[in-house]
Amino acid sequence: MILLLGSNGYIGTQFQKYLTLRSVSWKAGDWKSFVFDRRSNLIRDLKKSKVSFVLNCAGYTGKPNVDACELSKADCLNGNAVLPAAIREICESIGIVWGHVSSGCIYSGERPGGGGWKESDAPNFTFSRPPSSFYSGTKALGERALGWREEKNISGGLSWKHESSPSGYVWRLRIPFGEIDCARNYLSKLLNYKTLLEARNSLSQLDDFVRACLDCIENRVPYGIYNVTNPGSVKTSQVVDMIKKSGVSRKDFRFFESEEAFMKSVAQTPRSNCILDVEKLSSAGIVLRPIEEAIEWSLGNWSDKRSCKGLI
């Protein structure tokens, strides 16, 4: 039995879909019970319901974007840092495996020397390594709460290593998108924003992300952190060209002259734009579609007939 936290969110509803398709037994859980309820009562209920895996999709991103996290710091801290800590502690105490949806937004730019950031690289967009948004800072704290620490490596840089041995999965999501038009969809954001910021990023196609996470569980890949993004990276302008080519929209897309102009005009906190490496995931036998293919498929199956809702 899988206990699914955040089951009604943007990510959680997709997990609902694929757990059902795979005939996996699951039930919805309330993430607040892990943070605020008496631990003895929660442990009793987990044992009674024979939960064998806790899958956490809950978290706090802020609406309409991460700027809102700067005004709701208590909620953001509880959802992104306190919750993962509680899940780990409770699950380890009774021998339950867990999986936590984290974020690639704890990195900025490319890895020194080029290429994507690896899971073993220490995050560089955090409270301890500013600049950072409050959202990104709390997501990094969430990984710390699950046991990861900065450690100097031989070359003098910083690595991201577990304090002992991980007891569950950390799946890093990065700018989710899909074929359904809704507020949390990256493609929808590009369609609705008046002016866009040109940046290169790794992205996660929502169906691919969820399938990959469930494959980790079913295939029993080693516990630890995995960057779960579609291979490759794209610039905002590339995605815009694909939107126009698909016929989904032919609007006159406008761009900020620079990131400085973006920050001065509409943003209240720094944004993470980064590339993640997915070699660790592919080495475990789990391969997602290339990013361009995933975007083309989503645009080719574009639908605004269904609603989507969610917090993450």
Protein backbone atom coordinates (compact mmCIF):
# COMPACT_ATOMS: atom_id res chain seq x y z
CA MET A 1 0.00 0.00 0.00
CA ILE A 2 1.37 3.42 -1.04
CA LEU A 3 0.41 6.48 0.98
CA LEU A 4 0.28 9.41 -1.44
CA LEU A 5 0.77 12.86 0.10
CA GLY A 6 -0.28 15.88 -1.98
CA SER A 7 -2.51 13.63 -4.08
CA ASN A 8 -4.72 16.47 -5.35
CA GLY A 9 -1.89 18.68 -6.57
CA TYR A 10 -0.53 19.13 -10.10
CA ILE A 11 2.03 16.36 -9.57
CA GLY A 12 -0.10 14.25 -7.24
CA THR A 13 -3.03 13.87 -9.63
CA GLN A 14 -0.64 12.48 -12.21
CA PHE A 15 0.68 9.97 -9.68
CA GLN A 16 -2.94 8.99 -8.98
CA LYS A 17 -3.43 8.29 -12.68
CA TYR A 18 -0.37 6.09 -13.14
CA LEU A 19 -0.68 4.23 -9.86
CA THR A 20 -4.21 3.30 -10.92
CA LEU A 21 -3.09 2.33 -14.44
CA ARG A 22 -0.43 0.07 -12.95
CA SER A 23 -2.94 -1.47 -10.53
CA VAL A 24 -0.87 -0.35 -7.56
CA SER A 25 -2.75 -0.13 -4.27
CA TRP A 26 -2.67 3.40 -2.85
CA LYS A 27 -4.57 5.83 -0.69
CA ALA A 28 -4.47 9.61 -0.20
CA GLY A 29 -2.82 10.97 2.93
CA ASP A 30 -2.77 14.35 4.64
CA TRP A 31 0.75 15.80 4.72
CA LYS A 32 -0.21 18.00 7.68
CA SER A 33 -0.55 14.90 9.84
CA PHE A 34 3.21 14.34 9.49
CA VAL A 35 3.98 17.88 10.62
CA PHE A 36 1.34 18.64 13.23
CA ASP A 37 -0.22 15.38 14.57
CA ARG A 38 1.08 13.32 17.47
CA ARG A 39 3.74 10.99 16.11
CA SER A 40 2.52 7.98 18.10
CA ASN A 41 -0.95 8.27 16.56
CA LEU A 42 0.45 8.56 13.03
CA ILE A 43 2.74 5.57 13.46
CA ARG A 44 -0.19 3.54 14.81
CA ASP A 45 -2.34 4.47 11.80
CA LEU A 46 0.46 3.67 9.33
CA LYS A 47 0.94 0.23 10.82
CA LYS A 48 -2.79 -0.43 10.96
CA SER A 49 -3.31 0.43 7.28
CA LYS A 50 -0.25 -1.62 6.25
CA VAL A 51 1.43 1.23 4.37
CA SER A 52 4.69 0.03 2.80
CA PHE A 53 5.72 3.21 0.97
CA VAL A 54 5.14 6.93 1.59
CA LEU A 55 5.22 8.97 -1.63
CA ASN A 56 5.41 12.70 -1.00
CA CYS A 57 4.21 15.08 -3.72
CA ALA A 58 3.22 17.79 -1.27
CA GLY A 59 5.12 21.04 -1.04
CA TYR A 60 4.75 24.79 -1.19
CA THR A 61 5.57 26.80 -4.31
CA GLY A 62 3.43 29.90 -3.86
CA LYS A 63 0.81 31.31 -6.20
CA PRO A 64 1.06 32.56 -8.87
CA ASN A 65 4.84 32.01 -8.59
CA VAL A 66 7.75 31.73 -6.15
CA ASP A 67 7.56 35.43 -5.32
CA ALA A 68 4.62 34.54 -3.08
CA CYS A 69 6.92 32.38 -0.96
CA GLU A 70 8.66 35.52 0.22
CA LEU A 71 5.39 36.51 1.92
CA SER A 72 4.45 33.06 3.26
CA LYS A 73 7.72 31.86 4.74
CA ALA A 74 6.22 29.75 7.52
CA ASP A 75 4.05 27.77 5.08
CA CYS A 76 6.97 27.44 2.68
CA LEU A 77 9.31 26.19 5.39
CA ASN A 78 6.78 23.69 6.74
CA GLY A 79 5.90 22.31 3.31
CA ASN A 80 9.41 22.09 1.87
CA ALA A 81 11.74 21.42 4.81
CA VAL A 82 9.87 20.33 7.95
CA LEU A 83 7.67 17.84 6.09
CA PRO A 84 10.53 15.86 4.45
CA ALA A 85 12.30 15.68 7.81
CA ALA A 86 9.19 14.30 9.51
CA ILE A 87 8.60 11.76 6.73
CA ARG A 88 12.14 10.44 6.98
CA GLU A 89 12.15 10.20 10.75
CA ILE A 90 8.77 8.47 10.97
CA CYS A 91 9.39 6.08 8.08
CA GLU A 92 12.84 5.07 9.32
CA SER A 93 11.45 4.42 12.79
CA ILE A 94 9.06 1.75 11.48
CA GLY A 95 10.94 0.52 8.40
CA ILE A 96 8.85 2.12 5.64
CA VAL A 97 10.48 3.23 2.37
CA TRP A 98 9.73 6.76 1.17
CA GLY A 99 10.01 8.83 -2.00
CA HIS A 100 10.17 12.64 -2.01
CA VAL A 101 9.59 15.02 -4.93
CA SER A 102 12.32 17.64 -4.65
CA SER A 103 13.37 20.35 -7.10
CA GLY A 104 16.21 21.16 -9.47
CA CYS A 105 15.70 24.83 -8.59
CA ILE A 106 18.47 24.56 -6.00
CA TYR A 107 21.01 25.06 -8.79
CA SER A 108 21.88 27.96 -11.04
CA GLY A 109 23.58 27.92 -14.45
CA GLU A 110 25.77 25.10 -15.71
CA ARG A 111 28.32 22.93 -13.98
CA PRO A 112 31.84 24.43 -13.91
CA GLY A 113 33.42 23.48 -17.22
CA GLY A 114 30.01 23.06 -18.86
CA GLY A 115 27.24 20.51 -18.81
CA GLY A 116 24.55 19.73 -16.28
CA TRP A 117 24.75 19.55 -12.51
CA LYS A 118 25.12 16.03 -11.15
CA GLU A 119 23.40 14.67 -8.06
CA SER A 120 26.79 14.62 -6.34
CA ASP A 121 27.30 18.37 -6.84
CA ALA A 122 26.44 20.60 -3.90
CA PRO A 123 23.54 22.99 -4.68
CA ASN A 124 24.64 26.54 -5.47
CA PHE A 125 21.31 28.40 -5.23
CA THR A 126 20.55 28.14 -1.51
CA PHE A 127 20.53 30.05 1.76
CA SER A 128 24.16 29.06 2.36
CA ARG A 129 25.22 29.91 -1.21
CA PRO A 130 23.25 33.02 -2.23
CA PRO A 131 21.65 34.54 -4.16
CA SER A 132 18.58 32.36 -3.71
CA SER A 133 14.82 32.62 -3.50
CA PHE A 134 13.18 31.55 -0.24
CA TYR A 135 11.52 28.70 -2.15
CA SER A 136 14.83 27.31 -3.43
CA GLY A 137 16.41 27.75 -0.02
CA THR A 138 13.72 25.65 1.64
CA LYS A 139 13.91 22.93 -1.02
CA ALA A 140 17.64 22.61 -0.34
CA LEU A 141 16.90 22.45 3.39
CA GLY A 142 14.48 19.64 2.59
CA GLU A 143 17.29 17.59 1.05
CA ARG A 144 19.48 18.38 4.06
CA ALA A 145 16.70 17.12 6.32
CA LEU A 146 16.80 13.87 4.34
CA GLY A 147 20.48 13.43 5.16
CA TRP A 148 22.52 15.19 2.48
CA ARG A 149 25.42 17.46 3.38
CA GLU A 150 28.07 19.62 1.72
CA GLU A 151 31.53 18.08 1.76
CA LYS A 152 34.78 19.30 0.23
CA ASN A 153 36.07 17.07 -2.52
CA ILE A 154 39.62 16.40 -3.69
CA SER A 155 39.57 19.28 -6.18
CA GLY A 156 38.52 21.75 -3.49
CA GLY A 157 34.91 21.98 -4.67
CA LEU A 158 31.80 21.01 -2.75
CA SER A 159 30.06 17.65 -3.10
CA TRP A 160 26.56 16.64 -1.95
CA LYS A 161 26.82 13.43 0.04
CA HIS A 162 24.58 11.52 2.40
CA GLU A 163 25.56 11.45 6.06
CA SER A 164 25.19 7.68 6.21
CA SER A 165 23.07 5.68 3.77
CA PRO A 166 19.81 6.91 2.18
CA SER A 167 16.61 5.08 3.10
CA GLY A 168 14.46 6.38 0.25
CA TYR A 169 14.29 8.30 -3.02
CA VAL A 170 14.68 11.99 -3.79
CA TRP A 171 13.34 12.81 -7.27
CA ARG A 172 14.26 16.25 -8.58
CA LEU A 173 11.57 17.83 -10.71
CA ARG A 174 12.46 20.75 -12.96
CA ILE A 175 9.88 23.14 -14.52
CA PRO A 176 7.06 20.65 -15.23
CA PHE A 177 5.01 20.76 -18.41
CA GLY A 178 2.50 18.62 -20.27
CA GLU A 179 -0.30 18.59 -22.81
CA ILE A 180 -3.04 20.02 -20.57
CA ASP A 181 -3.35 23.79 -20.44
CA CYS A 182 -3.27 24.97 -16.82
CA ALA A 183 -1.56 27.44 -14.53
CA ARG A 184 1.20 25.06 -13.37
CA ASN A 185 2.17 24.01 -16.89
CA TYR A 186 5.34 25.72 -18.17
CA LEU A 187 3.95 25.85 -21.71
CA SER A 188 0.81 27.59 -20.42
CA LYS A 189 2.96 30.11 -18.58
CA LEU A 190 4.78 30.98 -21.80
CA LEU A 191 1.43 31.43 -23.53
CA ASN A 192 0.04 33.69 -20.82
CA TYR A 193 2.97 35.86 -19.70
CA LYS A 194 3.09 39.25 -21.40
CA THR A 195 6.90 39.27 -21.59
CA LEU A 196 9.30 36.33 -21.34
CA LEU A 197 12.79 35.85 -19.94
CA GLU A 198 15.28 34.20 -22.29
CA ALA A 199 17.04 31.42 -20.36
CA ARG A 200 18.31 27.89 -20.91
CA ASN A 201 16.85 25.19 -18.68
CA SER A 202 16.29 21.51 -18.12
CA LEU A 203 12.59 20.60 -18.02
CA SER A 204 10.44 17.68 -16.84
CA GLN A 205 7.55 16.41 -18.95
CA LEU A 206 4.95 15.51 -16.33
CA ASP A 207 3.98 12.04 -17.60
CA ASP A 208 7.62 11.10 -18.11
CA PHE A 209 8.55 12.33 -14.64
CA VAL A 210 5.86 10.32 -12.86
CA ARG A 211 6.52 7.16 -14.86
CA ALA A 212 10.25 7.44 -14.08
CA CYS A 213 9.61 7.82 -10.34
CA LEU A 214 7.33 4.78 -10.28
CA ASP A 215 9.87 2.82 -12.32
CA CYS A 216 12.45 3.57 -9.61
CA ILE A 217 10.16 1.90 -7.09
CA GLU A 218 9.16 -1.06 -9.28
CA ASN A 219 12.70 -1.73 -10.52
CA ARG A 220 14.12 -1.27 -7.03
CA VAL A 221 16.91 1.00 -8.18
CA PRO A 222 19.33 2.05 -5.41
CA TYR A 223 18.01 4.65 -2.97
CA GLY A 224 19.29 8.19 -3.36
CA ILE A 225 18.85 11.39 -5.35
CA TYR A 226 17.91 11.34 -9.03
CA ASN A 227 17.61 14.24 -11.45
CA VAL A 228 14.39 13.39 -13.29
CA THR A 229 14.38 15.66 -16.33
CA ASN A 230 14.10 14.98 -20.03
CA PRO A 231 17.58 14.68 -21.58
CA GLY A 232 18.87 17.94 -23.04
CA SER A 233 18.04 21.56 -22.40
CA VAL A 234 16.21 24.33 -24.25
CA LYS A 235 16.12 28.10 -24.39
CA THR A 236 12.85 29.94 -23.93
CA SER A 237 12.99 31.16 -27.53
CA GLN A 238 13.34 27.57 -28.79
CA VAL A 239 10.17 26.56 -26.98
CA VAL A 240 8.38 29.63 -28.36
CA ASP A 241 9.38 28.62 -31.90
CA MET A 242 8.00 25.13 -31.25
CA ILE A 243 4.73 26.59 -29.96
CA LYS A 244 4.35 28.67 -33.13
CA LYS A 245 5.24 25.74 -35.37
CA SER A 246 2.67 23.53 -33.64
CA GLY A 247 -0.13 26.02 -34.29
CA VAL A 248 -1.10 26.16 -30.60
CA SER A 249 -0.45 29.92 -30.70
CA ARG A 250 0.90 32.48 -33.10
CA LYS A 251 0.92 35.41 -30.69
CA ASP A 252 3.65 38.00 -30.80
CA PHE A 253 5.90 36.75 -28.01
CA ARG A 254 7.99 39.47 -26.40
CA PHE A 255 11.16 39.12 -24.36
CA PHE A 256 12.87 41.18 -21.68
CA GLU A 257 16.06 42.84 -22.84
CA SER A 258 18.00 41.19 -20.01
CA GLU A 259 17.62 39.34 -16.73
CA GLU A 260 18.26 42.64 -14.97
CA ALA A 261 15.26 44.16 -16.74
CA PHE A 262 13.17 41.13 -15.73
CA MET A 263 14.16 41.48 -12.07
CA LYS A 264 13.52 45.21 -12.09
CA SER A 265 10.14 44.95 -13.80
CA VAL A 266 8.26 41.92 -12.43
CA ALA A 267 10.32 39.70 -10.12
CA GLN A 268 10.73 40.10 -6.38
CA THR A 269 13.23 37.30 -5.84
CA PRO A 270 16.00 35.66 -7.95
CA ARG A 271 15.04 32.82 -10.29
CA SER A 272 16.85 29.54 -10.84
CA ASN A 273 17.80 28.79 -14.43
CA CYS A 274 19.90 25.66 -14.69
CA ILE A 275 20.81 22.46 -16.49
CA LEU A 276 20.76 19.06 -14.77
CA ASP A 277 22.65 15.92 -15.73
CA VAL A 278 20.56 12.72 -16.03
CA GLU A 279 23.29 10.12 -16.46
CA LYS A 280 22.67 8.60 -13.02
CA LEU A 281 19.01 7.94 -13.85
CA SER A 282 19.76 6.51 -17.28
CA SER A 283 22.50 4.31 -15.80
CA ALA A 284 19.82 2.85 -13.54
CA GLY A 285 17.93 1.82 -16.70
CA ILE A 286 15.35 4.61 -16.69
CA VAL A 287 15.41 6.82 -19.79
CA LEU A 288 13.05 9.70 -20.59
CA ARG A 289 12.27 11.11 -24.02
CA PRO A 290 14.62 13.84 -25.31
CA ILE A 291 13.33 17.27 -24.33
CA GLU A 292 12.49 18.42 -27.86
CA GLU A 293 10.48 15.25 -28.52
CA ALA A 294 8.59 15.62 -25.23
CA ILE A 295 7.69 19.26 -25.98
CA GLU A 296 6.55 18.42 -29.52
CA TRP A 297 4.36 15.59 -28.21
CA SER A 298 2.78 17.83 -25.57
CA LEU A 299 2.03 20.56 -28.08
CA GLY A 300 0.74 18.03 -30.59
CA ASN A 301 -1.72 16.72 -28.00
CA TRP A 302 -2.58 20.11 -26.53
CA SER A 303 -5.86 20.24 -24.63
CA ASP A 304 -7.63 22.99 -22.71
CA LYS A 305 -10.79 20.97 -22.10
CA ARG A 306 -9.72 19.53 -18.76
CA SER A 307 -8.90 21.48 -15.65
CA CYS A 308 -5.88 20.99 -13.48
CA LYS A 309 -5.32 22.08 -9.95
CA GLY A 310 -2.54 21.86 -7.44
CA LEU A 311 0.03 23.38 -5.18
CA ILE A 312 3.21 21.90 -6.59
